[in-house]
Protein backbone atom coordinates (compact mmCIF):
# COMPACT_ATOMS: atom_id res chain seq x y z
CA MET A 1 -8.70 -8.11 -11.33
CA ARG A 2 -5.52 -8.30 -9.20
CA PHE A 3 -7.38 -6.91 -6.16
CA LEU A 4 -10.17 -9.45 -6.65
CA LEU A 5 -7.62 -12.32 -7.02
CA SER A 6 -5.78 -11.24 -3.83
CA LEU A 7 -9.06 -11.22 -1.95
CA LEU A 8 -9.80 -14.63 -2.95
CA LEU A 9 -6.31 -15.77 -1.71
CA ALA A 10 -7.13 -14.29 1.73
CA ALA A 11 -7.65 -17.18 4.27
CA SER A 12 -9.67 -17.55 7.40
CA PRO A 13 -11.29 -14.58 9.22
CA LEU A 14 -11.09 -14.19 12.92
CA THR A 15 -14.18 -13.13 14.71
CA ALA A 16 -13.53 -13.28 18.47
CA ALA A 17 -11.10 -10.57 18.85
CA SER A 18 -12.60 -7.34 20.63
CA VAL A 19 -11.38 -4.32 22.52
CA GLU A 20 -13.56 -2.39 24.97
CA GLY A 21 -16.45 -4.22 23.71
CA ILE A 22 -15.68 -3.32 20.03
CA LYS A 23 -15.60 -6.29 17.61
CA ILE A 24 -12.30 -6.14 15.64
CA HIS A 25 -12.49 -7.77 12.22
CA SER A 26 -9.23 -9.49 11.14
CA THR A 27 -8.05 -12.17 8.58
CA ILE A 28 -5.18 -14.71 8.76
CA ALA A 29 -3.50 -15.92 5.59
CA GLY A 30 -0.65 -18.39 5.26
CA LYS A 31 0.82 -20.60 7.84
CA GLY A 32 4.11 -20.86 9.76
CA PRO A 33 5.89 -19.94 13.05
CA LYS A 34 6.43 -16.27 12.04
CA THR A 35 3.61 -13.83 12.07
CA VAL A 36 3.44 -10.39 10.57
CA ILE A 37 0.57 -7.92 11.35
CA LEU A 38 -0.32 -5.36 8.72
CA VAL A 39 -1.98 -2.17 10.00
CA HIS A 40 -3.72 0.16 7.52
CA GLY A 41 -4.06 3.95 7.71
CA TRP A 42 -6.62 6.63 8.07
CA THR A 43 -10.01 5.58 6.83
CA CYS A 44 -8.61 2.54 5.11
CA ASP A 45 -9.12 -1.11 5.90
CA GLU A 46 -7.31 -4.46 5.45
CA THR A 47 -7.68 -4.39 1.60
CA THR A 48 -4.85 -1.91 1.67
CA TRP A 49 -2.57 -4.87 1.64
CA ASN A 50 -4.15 -6.87 -1.13
CA MET A 51 -0.92 -6.75 -3.17
CA GLN A 52 1.13 -7.97 -0.36
CA ILE A 53 -0.81 -11.12 0.82
CA PRO A 54 -0.01 -13.39 -2.05
CA ALA A 55 3.69 -12.79 -2.03
CA LEU A 56 4.28 -12.88 1.79
CA THR A 57 2.09 -15.85 2.74
CA LYS A 58 4.74 -18.18 1.00
CA ASP A 59 6.97 -17.70 4.05
CA TYR A 60 4.92 -15.91 6.66
CA ARG A 61 1.65 -16.07 8.53
CA MET A 62 0.06 -12.71 7.52
CA VAL A 63 -2.69 -10.99 9.75
CA THR A 64 -4.71 -8.09 8.49
CA LEU A 65 -7.26 -6.04 10.55
CA ASP A 66 -9.67 -3.28 10.40
CA LEU A 67 -8.91 -0.69 13.14
CA PRO A 68 -11.98 0.28 15.25
CA GLY A 69 -14.34 2.42 13.14
CA HIS A 70 -12.91 1.08 9.96
CA GLY A 71 -13.94 -1.49 7.32
CA GLN A 72 -15.85 -4.42 9.14
CA SER A 73 -14.88 -3.60 12.64
CA GLY A 74 -17.12 -1.98 15.16
CA SER A 75 -16.96 1.59 16.46
CA PRO A 76 -16.46 3.02 19.97
CA LYS A 77 -19.95 3.79 21.57
CA ASP A 78 -18.61 7.14 22.81
CA GLY A 79 -17.18 8.00 19.43
CA LYS A 80 -13.72 8.49 20.83
CA PHE A 81 -10.71 7.19 19.01
CA SER A 82 -7.06 7.18 20.23
CA MET A 83 -3.62 5.67 19.31
CA ASP A 84 -4.05 3.68 22.53
CA LEU A 85 -7.46 2.18 21.29
CA PHE A 86 -5.96 1.36 17.99
CA ALA A 87 -2.91 -0.33 19.54
CA ARG A 88 -5.05 -2.26 21.91
CA ALA A 89 -7.15 -3.46 18.98
CA VAL A 90 -3.96 -4.74 17.32
CA GLU A 91 -3.02 -6.55 20.57
CA ALA A 92 -6.50 -8.26 20.64
CA VAL A 93 -5.90 -9.51 17.27
CA ARG A 94 -2.37 -10.72 18.05
CA ARG A 95 -3.65 -12.55 21.21
CA GLU A 96 -6.51 -14.12 19.14
CA ALA A 97 -4.00 -15.33 16.47
CA LYS A 98 -1.98 -16.87 19.33
CA ALA A 99 1.31 -15.33 18.06
CA ASP A 100 3.94 -14.45 20.59
CA ARG A 101 6.48 -11.98 19.03
CA VAL A 102 5.45 -10.35 15.87
CA VAL A 103 6.64 -7.90 13.28
CA LEU A 104 4.20 -5.06 12.75
CA VAL A 105 3.83 -3.04 9.44
CA GLY A 106 1.93 0.26 9.59
CA HIS A 107 0.92 2.45 6.56
CA SER A 108 0.41 6.21 7.07
CA MET A 109 -1.54 6.57 10.34
CA GLY A 110 -0.70 2.94 10.92
CA THR A 111 2.93 4.07 11.54
CA PRO A 112 2.05 5.86 14.90
CA VAL A 113 -0.28 3.00 15.69
CA VAL A 114 2.50 0.46 15.60
CA ILE A 115 4.89 2.76 17.32
CA GLN A 116 2.31 3.01 20.20
CA TYR A 117 1.93 -0.80 20.04
CA GLU A 118 5.69 -1.18 20.82
CA ARG A 119 5.34 1.22 23.73
CA LEU A 120 2.51 -0.61 25.26
CA PHE A 121 3.59 -4.26 24.27
CA PRO A 122 7.29 -4.34 23.83
CA GLN A 123 7.39 -7.99 24.82
CA HIS A 124 5.42 -8.88 21.72
CA THR A 125 7.26 -6.57 19.34
CA ALA A 126 10.08 -8.06 17.31
CA ALA A 127 10.47 -5.29 14.65
CA LEU A 128 8.55 -2.50 13.01
CA VAL A 129 8.02 -1.25 9.50
CA PHE A 130 6.83 2.28 8.69
CA VAL A 131 5.20 2.68 5.26
CA ASP A 132 5.17 6.38 4.36
CA GLY A 133 4.07 7.24 7.96
CA ALA A 134 4.97 10.27 10.10
CA VAL A 135 7.25 9.57 13.06
CA THR A 136 7.02 13.03 14.59
CA ILE A 137 5.01 16.23 14.39
CA SER A 138 7.40 19.17 13.99
CA ASN A 139 7.28 21.83 16.81
CA ASP A 140 8.80 24.52 14.64
CA GLY A 141 5.56 25.63 12.93
CA SER A 142 6.50 23.98 9.59
CA PHE A 143 3.78 21.49 9.81
CA LYS A 144 0.08 22.29 10.33
CA PRO A 145 -2.08 19.15 11.00
CA PRO A 146 -5.35 18.78 8.97
CA ASP A 147 -8.58 20.17 10.60
CA PRO A 148 -10.73 17.18 11.54
CA ASN A 149 -13.75 19.44 11.49
CA GLN A 150 -13.35 19.72 7.69
CA MET A 151 -14.08 16.08 7.47
CA LYS A 152 -17.66 16.67 8.70
CA GLY A 153 -20.73 18.35 7.51
CA PRO A 154 -22.01 19.14 4.05
CA GLY A 155 -18.56 19.77 2.59
CA GLY A 156 -16.97 16.80 4.50
CA GLN A 157 -17.11 14.26 1.68
CA LYS A 158 -15.74 16.74 -0.76
CA ALA A 159 -12.88 17.69 1.51
CA ARG A 160 -12.00 13.99 2.18
CA GLU A 161 -11.87 13.16 -1.63
CA ALA A 162 -9.67 16.15 -2.25
CA MET A 163 -7.24 14.99 0.54
CA ILE A 164 -7.28 11.42 -0.84
CA ARG A 165 -6.69 12.46 -4.32
CA SER A 166 -3.72 14.56 -3.23
CA MET A 167 -2.19 11.27 -2.08
CA PHE A 168 -2.12 9.94 -5.69
CA SER A 169 1.02 9.98 -7.99
CA GLY A 170 1.56 9.15 -11.56
CA ALA A 171 1.99 5.56 -10.55
CA THR A 172 -1.47 5.38 -9.03
CA THR A 173 -3.33 3.48 -11.82
CA PRO A 174 -7.16 4.27 -12.37
CA GLU A 175 -7.95 0.98 -10.81
CA MET A 176 -5.88 1.70 -7.80
CA GLN A 177 -7.51 5.11 -7.50
CA GLN A 178 -11.05 3.54 -7.60
CA HIS A 179 -10.06 1.06 -4.97
CA ILE A 180 -8.49 3.56 -2.61
CA LEU A 181 -11.48 6.22 -3.13
CA ARG A 182 -14.10 3.59 -2.49
CA MET A 183 -12.33 2.25 0.61
CA MET A 184 -11.53 5.52 2.20
CA LEU A 185 -14.81 7.22 1.39
CA SER A 186 -16.81 4.37 2.72
CA ALA A 187 -15.59 5.10 6.25
CA PRO A 188 -18.20 6.83 8.38
CA GLU A 189 -17.97 10.66 8.95
CA SER A 190 -17.31 10.03 12.63
CA THR A 191 -14.33 7.85 11.83
CA ALA A 192 -12.89 10.32 9.37
CA ALA A 193 -12.94 13.16 11.93
CA GLY A 194 -12.30 11.13 15.07
CA ALA A 195 -9.43 9.09 13.72
CA MET A 196 -7.84 12.20 12.30
CA GLN A 197 -8.13 13.95 15.61
CA ALA A 198 -6.54 10.93 17.31
CA ALA A 199 -3.62 10.76 14.84
CA PHE A 200 -2.68 14.36 15.50
CA ASP A 201 -3.27 14.34 19.27
CA PRO A 202 -0.09 15.73 20.88
CA ALA A 203 -0.28 13.13 23.60
CA ALA A 204 0.32 10.48 21.08
CA TRP A 205 3.67 11.96 19.99
CA LYS A 206 6.52 11.29 22.31
CA ASP A 207 10.30 11.87 22.06
CA ASP A 208 11.37 8.50 23.34
CA VAL A 209 13.94 6.21 21.74
CA ILE A 210 12.71 2.88 20.30
CA THR A 211 15.48 0.52 19.73
CA VAL A 212 13.81 -2.35 17.98
CA PRO A 213 14.82 -2.98 14.37
CA VAL A 214 12.88 -0.77 12.05
CA LEU A 215 12.51 -0.56 8.33
CA GLY A 216 11.01 2.66 6.83
CA ILE A 217 9.79 2.36 3.26
CA TYR A 218 8.68 5.87 1.91
CA ALA A 219 7.43 7.31 -1.22
CA ASP A 220 9.62 9.28 -3.47
CA ASN A 221 10.74 12.47 -1.87
CA SER A 222 8.01 11.87 0.86
CA ARG A 223 7.29 14.70 3.28
CA MET A 224 6.62 11.92 5.83
CA ALA A 225 10.35 10.76 5.99
CA ASN A 226 12.38 12.56 8.76
CA ARG A 227 15.93 11.15 8.50
CA GLU A 228 17.42 13.43 11.15
CA TYR A 229 14.79 12.64 13.71
CA SER A 230 14.92 8.90 12.93
CA LYS A 231 18.67 8.68 13.46
CA THR A 232 18.29 9.66 17.15
CA HIS A 233 14.93 8.17 17.94
CA PHE A 234 15.00 4.91 15.95
CA PRO A 235 18.74 4.15 16.05
CA ASN A 236 18.23 0.67 14.41
CA MET A 237 16.27 2.03 11.57
CA GLU A 238 17.02 1.53 7.89
CA LEU A 239 15.16 4.21 5.68
CA VAL A 240 14.63 3.71 1.92
CA GLU A 241 12.48 5.54 -0.59
CA ILE A 242 11.07 3.80 -3.67
CA PRO A 243 11.34 6.10 -6.80
CA GLY A 244 8.34 7.02 -8.76
CA THR A 245 5.74 6.35 -5.96
CA GLY A 246 3.12 8.22 -4.06
CA HIS A 247 1.59 7.59 -0.67
CA PHE A 248 0.21 4.15 -1.62
CA LEU A 249 3.63 2.92 -2.70
CA MET A 250 2.69 -0.74 -1.57
CA MET A 251 0.27 -0.82 -4.46
CA GLU A 252 1.94 1.16 -7.01
CA LYS A 253 5.24 -0.76 -6.91
CA ALA A 254 4.14 -3.91 -5.22
CA ASP A 255 6.98 -6.05 -6.41
CA GLU A 256 9.84 -3.61 -5.24
CA PHE A 257 7.89 -3.07 -1.91
CA ASN A 258 7.40 -6.82 -1.32
CA ARG A 259 11.20 -7.38 -1.98
CA LEU A 260 12.35 -4.88 0.49
CA LEU A 261 9.85 -6.13 3.17
CA LEU A 262 10.85 -9.78 2.56
CA ALA A 263 14.47 -9.00 2.93
CA PHE A 264 14.04 -7.20 6.12
CA LEU A 265 11.90 -9.92 7.60
CA ALA A 266 14.38 -12.64 6.72
CA LYS A 267 16.85 -10.83 8.94
CA GLN A 268 14.61 -10.74 12.15
CA LYS A 269 14.40 -13.19 14.93
CA PHE A 270 10.61 -13.71 15.87
């Protein structure tokens, strides 16, 4: 019921944004001079943020979108996904929304997307928020990226479901689980494999230093959080973990998540 209520509270859809001929679906909710863009993760869509929209539109204009190949957006004709393509899709939505400097919030795969956006469009980036997303791929052999090929073929759907269920925690209610499974398993097989390959493309991971203000909101004891790396590569980053949460912490403990996000936004100039 809460998900349905949040959907009904969403305001006007944008329809004109496109990148490389791909139609990008997005929605604006709320009004005001300050705009926040929320970017979902792998095989998700804009409904990832249903629990944030009602709380944040009181003070900010919120923009959600479906990345290429996800939700109601179109897919690349050549089937090729990349962090650059995703970042340019975000830029097309920002431009269509007629916003100047924005704060970008990225969940999971959305974290490297918003980082890439800052690299490509620093003049429009006021601050970043990482939501249980990786900031680096270790080169010491301790991390092995998932195999995109496992997401395809007769066993692909089963492999995807197993991966999704591994993201749940004791705080992921049955209603949340149903929403997440429905959302993520509805993405085409080509998106599941292609977006995963793009997410772990070594070319997308750079060891540059990003100096804009950053808030990292991570799950309890998250494997994604890398405090040592963040200290040197995101010197203006504050990293917090929400106890008792899993990968979808913005749903599981929405009130705490929204409180942290609103406190960070209140300190930014944009």
